[in-house]
Amino acid sequence: MVQTPASPETETLLIELPKTIGLYVTQEQFAALAAANRDLRLERTARGELIVNPPTGWETGERNSSLTGQLYRWYEDSEDLGKAFDSSTGFILPNGATRSPDASWVSRERWQALTPEQKGTFPNICPDFVVELRSRSDRLGSLQTKMKEYIDNGALLGWLIDPQQRRVEIYRPRLAVEVLENPTELSGEAVLPGFVLNLRRVWD
């Protein structure tokens, strides 16, 4: 369903879009939609298809709060290494898609190499590190495709965390996906040196 914002010249209209119909927008149109609908989490595929992600339930919200909180505490002690971002941040990937990982991090060197125009509202960069946290309504296949997209566009480490199955898929360039069953923690490896995610707070 697409809702157009009201203005003095328009009224609010609700449009039901069948799943067989895609809504395609340019980067400029996407930026305008995002600015007018700040309460929605929007994404754009490399082909230009608009994706409207519904608000999360309380379980996913609580888990994501723990995830981003742990990442931010590490970032506070390691802020000279790069920048950490939460799920509200969109990135324009090299393939043209605009994606919003549930948590992400960009190295200081790569961030500083961006021009002011490249930083813009949505930075023109794929994060070095990305996390996707599966909610009950998420299709696993779609998230796996998104994780591969991150790696193909420059991410060095990605975690797909599935609380329902207590499973984590770890994505790295040029390596097969590693699957962990019910792990208690995850290491940021060389990408995020010293960062360890306590998964007990995510599983519970």
C-alpha atoms as a PDB file:
ATOM      1  CA  MET A   1       0.000   0.000   0.000  1.00  0.00           C
ATOM      2  CA  VAL A   2       1.320   3.422  -0.926  1.00  0.00           C
ATOM      3  CA  GLN A   3       0.222   6.527   0.947  1.00  0.00           C
ATOM      4  CA  THR A   4       0.820   9.916  -0.581  1.00  0.00           C
ATOM      5  CA  PRO A   5       1.408  12.737   1.923  1.00  0.00           C
ATOM      6  CA  ALA A   6      -1.165  15.495   2.186  1.00  0.00           C
ATOM      7  CA  SER A   7      -0.343  19.052   1.268  1.00  0.00           C
ATOM      8  CA  PRO A   8      -2.438  22.199   0.708  1.00  0.00           C
ATOM      9  CA  GLU A   9      -2.843  21.134  -2.914  1.00  0.00           C
ATOM     10  CA  THR A  10      -3.449  17.417  -2.374  1.00  0.00           C
ATOM     11  CA  GLU A  11      -5.367  14.999  -0.211  1.00  0.00           C
ATOM     12  CA  THR A  12      -4.121  11.754   1.293  1.00  0.00           C
ATOM     13  CA  LEU A  13      -4.844   8.746  -0.909  1.00  0.00           C
ATOM     14  CA  LEU A  14      -4.290   5.072  -0.143  1.00  0.00           C
ATOM     15  CA  ILE A  15      -3.389   2.847  -3.066  1.00  0.00           C
ATOM     16  CA  GLU A  16      -3.359  -0.945  -2.755  1.00  0.00           C
ATOM     17  CA  LEU A  17      -0.648  -2.416  -4.982  1.00  0.00           C
ATOM     18  CA  PRO A  18      -0.975  -6.106  -5.922  1.00  0.00           C
ATOM     19  CA  LYS A  19       2.234  -8.065  -5.331  1.00  0.00           C
ATOM     20  CA  THR A  20       2.507  -8.618  -9.078  1.00  0.00           C
ATOM     21  CA  ILE A  21       2.876  -4.882  -9.673  1.00  0.00           C
ATOM     22  CA  GLY A  22       6.124  -3.120  -8.818  1.00  0.00           C
ATOM     23  CA  LEU A  23       6.516   0.592  -8.221  1.00  0.00           C
ATOM     24  CA  TYR A  24       9.684   1.966  -9.806  1.00  0.00           C
ATOM     25  CA  VAL A  25      11.323   5.260  -8.849  1.00  0.00           C
ATOM     26  CA  THR A  26      14.503   7.142  -9.722  1.00  0.00           C
ATOM     27  CA  GLN A  27      17.109   8.026  -7.096  1.00  0.00           C
ATOM     28  CA  GLU A  28      15.743  11.584  -7.022  1.00  0.00           C
ATOM     29  CA  GLN A  29      12.167  10.362  -6.587  1.00  0.00           C
ATOM     30  CA  PHE A  30      13.277   7.955  -3.872  1.00  0.00           C
ATOM     31  CA  ALA A  31      14.994  10.755  -1.943  1.00  0.00           C
ATOM     32  CA  ALA A  32      11.823  12.861  -2.176  1.00  0.00           C
ATOM     33  CA  LEU A  33       9.650   9.962  -0.989  1.00  0.00           C
ATOM     34  CA  ALA A  34      11.975   9.243   1.921  1.00  0.00           C
ATOM     35  CA  ALA A  35      11.955  12.902   2.968  1.00  0.00           C
ATOM     36  CA  ALA A  36       8.153  13.029   2.841  1.00  0.00           C
ATOM     37  CA  ASN A  37       7.682   9.719   4.688  1.00  0.00           C
ATOM     38  CA  ARG A  38      10.222   9.757   7.486  1.00  0.00           C
ATOM     39  CA  ASP A  39       8.232   7.262   9.548  1.00  0.00           C
ATOM     40  CA  LEU A  40       8.628   4.590   6.849  1.00  0.00           C
ATOM     41  CA  ARG A  41      11.701   2.518   6.195  1.00  0.00           C
ATOM     42  CA  LEU A  42      12.107   2.605   2.433  1.00  0.00           C
ATOM     43  CA  GLU A  43      14.560   0.792   0.184  1.00  0.00           C
ATOM     44  CA  ARG A  44      15.188   0.772  -3.563  1.00  0.00           C
ATOM     45  CA  THR A  45      16.480  -2.149  -5.590  1.00  0.00           C
ATOM     46  CA  ALA A  46      19.185  -1.839  -8.237  1.00  0.00           C
ATOM     47  CA  ARG A  47      16.382  -1.913 -10.857  1.00  0.00           C
ATOM     48  CA  GLY A  48      14.633   0.992  -9.178  1.00  0.00           C
ATOM     49  CA  GLU A  49      11.793  -0.916  -7.513  1.00  0.00           C
ATOM     50  CA  LEU A  50      10.507   0.729  -4.344  1.00  0.00           C
ATOM     51  CA  ILE A  51      10.354  -1.440  -1.217  1.00  0.00           C
ATOM     52  CA  VAL A  52       8.267  -0.308   1.745  1.00  0.00           C
ATOM     53  CA  ASN A  53       9.237  -2.154   4.921  1.00  0.00           C
ATOM     54  CA  PRO A  54       6.550  -2.251   7.614  1.00  0.00           C
ATOM     55  CA  PRO A  55       7.304  -1.280  11.217  1.00  0.00           C
ATOM     56  CA  THR A  56       8.829  -4.096  13.254  1.00  0.00           C
ATOM     57  CA  GLY A  57       7.095  -5.853  16.124  1.00  0.00           C
ATOM     58  CA  TRP A  58       8.283  -5.397  19.679  1.00  0.00           C
ATOM     59  CA  GLU A  59      10.426  -8.567  19.646  1.00  0.00           C
ATOM     60  CA  THR A  60      12.440  -7.480  16.615  1.00  0.00           C
ATOM     61  CA  GLY A  61      12.634  -3.919  17.941  1.00  0.00           C
ATOM     62  CA  GLU A  62      14.052  -5.119  21.248  1.00  0.00           C
ATOM     63  CA  ARG A  63      16.554  -7.427  19.566  1.00  0.00           C
ATOM     64  CA  ASN A  64      17.684  -4.732  17.176  1.00  0.00           C
ATOM     65  CA  SER A  65      18.085  -2.310  20.079  1.00  0.00           C
ATOM     66  CA  SER A  66      20.435  -4.768  21.776  1.00  0.00           C
ATOM     67  CA  LEU A  67      22.347  -5.318  18.538  1.00  0.00           C
ATOM     68  CA  THR A  68      22.861  -1.650  17.742  1.00  0.00           C
ATOM     69  CA  GLY A  69      23.551  -0.855  21.403  1.00  0.00           C
ATOM     70  CA  GLN A  70      26.371  -3.366  21.580  1.00  0.00           C
ATOM     71  CA  LEU A  71      27.817  -2.114  18.298  1.00  0.00           C
ATOM     72  CA  TYR A  72      27.614   1.491  19.484  1.00  0.00           C
ATOM     73  CA  ARG A  73      29.402   0.732  22.762  1.00  0.00           C
ATOM     74  CA  TRP A  74      32.260  -0.789  20.765  1.00  0.00           C
ATOM     75  CA  TYR A  75      32.191   2.208  18.400  1.00  0.00           C
ATOM     76  CA  GLU A  76      32.522   4.652  21.307  1.00  0.00           C
ATOM     77  CA  ASP A  77      35.796   2.979  22.268  1.00  0.00           C
ATOM     78  CA  SER A  78      36.952   2.661  18.650  1.00  0.00           C
ATOM     79  CA  GLU A  79      35.516   5.739  16.931  1.00  0.00           C
ATOM     80  CA  ASP A  80      38.865   6.529  15.324  1.00  0.00           C
ATOM     81  CA  LEU A  81      38.396   3.353  13.234  1.00  0.00           C
ATOM     82  CA  GLY A  82      35.178   4.380  11.500  1.00  0.00           C
ATOM     83  CA  LYS A  83      31.479   5.183  11.831  1.00  0.00           C
ATOM     84  CA  ALA A  84      28.574   3.033  13.080  1.00  0.00           C
ATOM     85  CA  PHE A  85      24.985   3.376  11.848  1.00  0.00           C
ATOM     86  CA  ASP A  86      21.562   2.080  12.888  1.00  0.00           C
ATOM     87  CA  SER A  87      18.671   0.775  10.792  1.00  0.00           C
ATOM     88  CA  SER A  88      17.419   4.230   9.821  1.00  0.00           C
ATOM     89  CA  THR A  89      20.442   4.872   7.578  1.00  0.00           C
ATOM     90  CA  GLY A  90      20.198   4.267   3.843  1.00  0.00           C
ATOM     91  CA  PHE A  91      23.210   3.674   1.607  1.00  0.00           C
ATOM     92  CA  ILE A  92      23.368   3.928  -2.176  1.00  0.00           C
ATOM     93  CA  LEU A  93      25.331   0.864  -3.257  1.00  0.00           C
ATOM     94  CA  PRO A  94      27.575   0.815  -6.347  1.00  0.00           C
ATOM     95  CA  ASN A  95      24.882  -1.135  -8.237  1.00  0.00           C
ATOM     96  CA  GLY A  96      22.392   1.726  -7.674  1.00  0.00           C
ATOM     97  CA  ALA A  97      20.286   0.080  -4.950  1.00  0.00           C
ATOM     98  CA  THR A  98      19.482   2.015  -1.774  1.00  0.00           C
ATOM     99  CA  ARG A  99      19.621  -0.322   1.207  1.00  0.00           C
ATOM    100  CA  SER A 100      19.176   0.099   4.969  1.00  0.00           C
ATOM    101  CA  PRO A 101      20.902  -2.642   6.986  1.00  0.00           C
ATOM    102  CA  ASP A 102      19.703  -3.190  10.540  1.00  0.00           C
ATOM    103  CA  ALA A 103      23.194  -2.189  11.702  1.00  0.00           C
ATOM    104  CA  SER A 104      26.313  -1.200   9.782  1.00  0.00           C
ATOM    105  CA  TRP A 105      29.792   0.251  10.007  1.00  0.00           C
ATOM    106  CA  VAL A 106      32.072   2.070   7.548  1.00  0.00           C
ATOM    107  CA  SER A 107      35.835   2.363   8.002  1.00  0.00           C
ATOM    108  CA  ARG A 108      37.239   5.818   8.639  1.00  0.00           C
ATOM    109  CA  GLU A 109      39.494   5.630   5.574  1.00  0.00           C
ATOM    110  CA  ARG A 110      36.634   4.848   3.192  1.00  0.00           C
ATOM    111  CA  TRP A 111      34.290   7.383   4.810  1.00  0.00           C
ATOM    112  CA  GLN A 112      36.823  10.204   4.585  1.00  0.00           C
ATOM    113  CA  ALA A 113      37.452   9.373   0.924  1.00  0.00           C
ATOM    114  CA  LEU A 114      33.855  10.374   0.111  1.00  0.00           C
ATOM    115  CA  THR A 115      33.198  13.854  -1.208  1.00  0.00           C
ATOM    116  CA  PRO A 116      30.497  15.980   0.486  1.00  0.00           C
ATOM    117  CA  GLU A 117      28.253  15.238  -2.507  1.00  0.00           C
ATOM    118  CA  GLN A 118      28.838  11.494  -2.143  1.00  0.00           C
ATOM    119  CA  LYS A 119      27.920  11.626   1.544  1.00  0.00           C
ATOM    120  CA  GLY A 120      24.683  13.481   0.808  1.00  0.00           C
ATOM    121  CA  THR A 121      21.490  12.263   2.477  1.00  0.00           C
ATOM    122  CA  PHE A 122      22.208   8.662   1.521  1.00  0.00           C
ATOM    123  CA  PRO A 123      25.969   8.010   1.332  1.00  0.00           C
ATOM    124  CA  ASN A 124      27.206   6.553  -1.939  1.00  0.00           C
ATOM    125  CA  ILE A 125      28.996   3.615  -0.342  1.00  0.00           C
ATOM    126  CA  CYS A 126      28.453   0.040   0.747  1.00  0.00           C
ATOM    127  CA  PRO A 127      29.318  -0.418   4.429  1.00  0.00           C
ATOM    128  CA  ASP A 128      32.301  -2.584   5.343  1.00  0.00           C
ATOM    129  CA  PHE A 129      30.116  -4.426   7.867  1.00  0.00           C
ATOM    130  CA  VAL A 130      26.369  -5.104   7.705  1.00  0.00           C
ATOM    131  CA  VAL A 131      23.798  -6.944   9.800  1.00  0.00           C
ATOM    132  CA  GLU A 132      20.311  -8.063   8.865  1.00  0.00           C
ATOM    133  CA  LEU A 133      18.069  -9.273  11.694  1.00  0.00           C
ATOM    134  CA  ARG A 134      15.266 -11.520  10.494  1.00  0.00           C
ATOM    135  CA  SER A 135      11.784 -10.749  11.804  1.00  0.00           C
ATOM    136  CA  ARG A 136       8.881 -13.201  11.694  1.00  0.00           C
ATOM    137  CA  SER A 137       7.505 -11.581   8.537  1.00  0.00           C
ATOM    138  CA  ASP A 138      10.813 -11.607   6.612  1.00  0.00           C
ATOM    139  CA  ARG A 139      11.361 -14.185   3.891  1.00  0.00           C
ATOM    140  CA  LEU A 140      14.730 -15.853   4.424  1.00  0.00           C
ATOM    141  CA  GLY A 141      15.470 -16.024   0.703  1.00  0.00           C
ATOM    142  CA  SER A 142      15.029 -12.274   0.284  1.00  0.00           C
ATOM    143  CA  LEU A 143      17.424 -11.562   3.149  1.00  0.00           C
ATOM    144  CA  GLN A 144      19.994 -14.005   1.765  1.00  0.00           C
ATOM    145  CA  THR A 145      19.816 -12.260  -1.603  1.00  0.00           C
ATOM    146  CA  LYS A 146      20.297  -8.918   0.116  1.00  0.00           C
ATOM    147  CA  MET A 147      23.341 -10.233   2.027  1.00  0.00           C
ATOM    148  CA  LYS A 148      24.925 -11.432  -1.215  1.00  0.00           C
ATOM    149  CA  GLU A 149      24.216  -8.019  -2.721  1.00  0.00           C
ATOM    150  CA  TYR A 150      26.114  -6.320   0.107  1.00  0.00           C
ATOM    151  CA  ILE A 151      29.130  -8.590  -0.405  1.00  0.00           C
ATOM    152  CA  ASP A 152      29.052  -8.143  -4.193  1.00  0.00           C
ATOM    153  CA  ASN A 153      29.058  -4.363  -3.661  1.00  0.00           C
ATOM    154  CA  GLY A 154      32.017  -4.169  -1.286  1.00  0.00           C
ATOM    155  CA  ALA A 155      31.039  -5.361   2.195  1.00  0.00           C
ATOM    156  CA  LEU A 156      33.781  -7.294   3.962  1.00  0.00           C
ATOM    157  CA  LEU A 157      31.666  -8.985   6.620  1.00  0.00           C
ATOM    158  CA  GLY A 158      27.942  -9.594   6.945  1.00  0.00           C
ATOM    159  CA  TRP A 159      25.765 -11.307   9.511  1.00  0.00           C
ATOM    160  CA  LEU A 160      22.275 -12.617   8.817  1.00  0.00           C
ATOM    161  CA  ILE A 161      20.801 -13.303  12.257  1.00  0.00           C
ATOM    162  CA  ASP A 162      17.710 -15.509  12.444  1.00  0.00           C
ATOM    163  CA  PRO A 163      16.296 -15.514  16.011  1.00  0.00           C
ATOM    164  CA  GLN A 164      13.472 -17.912  15.105  1.00  0.00           C
ATOM    165  CA  GLN A 165      15.955 -20.648  14.189  1.00  0.00           C
ATOM    166  CA  ARG A 166      18.772 -19.391  16.441  1.00  0.00           C
ATOM    167  CA  ARG A 167      20.981 -19.489  13.377  1.00  0.00           C
ATOM    168  CA  VAL A 168      23.542 -17.059  11.980  1.00  0.00           C
ATOM    169  CA  GLU A 169      24.836 -16.938   8.413  1.00  0.00           C
ATOM    170  CA  ILE A 170      28.205 -15.223   8.020  1.00  0.00           C
ATOM    171  CA  TYR A 171      29.038 -13.683   4.644  1.00  0.00           C
ATOM    172  CA  ARG A 172      32.554 -12.837   3.470  1.00  0.00           C
ATOM    173  CA  PRO A 173      33.982 -11.999   0.022  1.00  0.00           C
ATOM    174  CA  ARG A 174      35.084 -14.969  -2.075  1.00  0.00           C
ATOM    175  CA  LEU A 175      34.151 -17.474   0.648  1.00  0.00           C
ATOM    176  CA  ALA A 176      31.232 -19.842   1.115  1.00  0.00           C
ATOM    177  CA  VAL A 177      28.573 -18.732   3.570  1.00  0.00           C
ATOM    178  CA  GLU A 178      29.336 -20.021   7.067  1.00  0.00           C
ATOM    179  CA  VAL A 179      26.314 -21.192   9.068  1.00  0.00           C
ATOM    180  CA  LEU A 180      26.390 -21.263  12.883  1.00  0.00           C
ATOM    181  CA  GLU A 181      23.703 -23.053  14.898  1.00  0.00           C
ATOM    182  CA  ASN A 182      22.758 -21.408  18.198  1.00  0.00           C
ATOM    183  CA  PRO A 183      26.038 -19.502  18.749  1.00  0.00           C
ATOM    184  CA  THR A 184      26.423 -17.496  21.945  1.00  0.00           C
ATOM    185  CA  GLU A 185      28.598 -14.759  20.429  1.00  0.00           C
ATOM    186  CA  LEU A 186      29.969 -13.436  17.159  1.00  0.00           C
ATOM    187  CA  SER A 187      33.373 -11.902  16.460  1.00  0.00           C
ATOM    188  CA  GLY A 188      33.864  -8.795  14.373  1.00  0.00           C
ATOM    189  CA  GLU A 189      37.067 -10.427  13.120  1.00  0.00           C
ATOM    190  CA  ALA A 190      39.629  -8.162  11.471  1.00  0.00           C
ATOM    191  CA  VAL A 191      36.916  -5.886  10.108  1.00  0.00           C
ATOM    192  CA  LEU A 192      35.774  -4.731  13.576  1.00  0.00           C
ATOM    193  CA  PRO A 193      38.755  -5.609  15.794  1.00  0.00           C
ATOM    194  CA  GLY A 194      37.754  -6.339  19.352  1.00  0.00           C
ATOM    195  CA  PHE A 195      33.988  -6.302  18.739  1.00  0.00           C
ATOM    196  CA  VAL A 196      32.116  -9.306  20.107  1.00  0.00           C
ATOM    197  CA  LEU A 197      28.324  -9.484  19.869  1.00  0.00           C
ATOM    198  CA  ASN A 198      26.654 -11.213  22.822  1.00  0.00           C
ATOM    199  CA  LEU A 199      23.865 -13.191  21.184  1.00  0.00           C
ATOM    200  CA  ARG A 200      22.227 -14.236  24.444  1.00  0.00           C
ATOM    201  CA  ARG A 201      20.665 -10.764  24.495  1.00  0.00           C
ATOM    202  CA  VAL A 202      19.397 -11.246  20.950  1.00  0.00           C
ATOM    203  CA  TRP A 203      18.025 -14.775  21.366  1.00  0.00           C
ATOM    204  CA  ASP A 204      16.097 -14.045  24.586  1.00  0.00           C
END
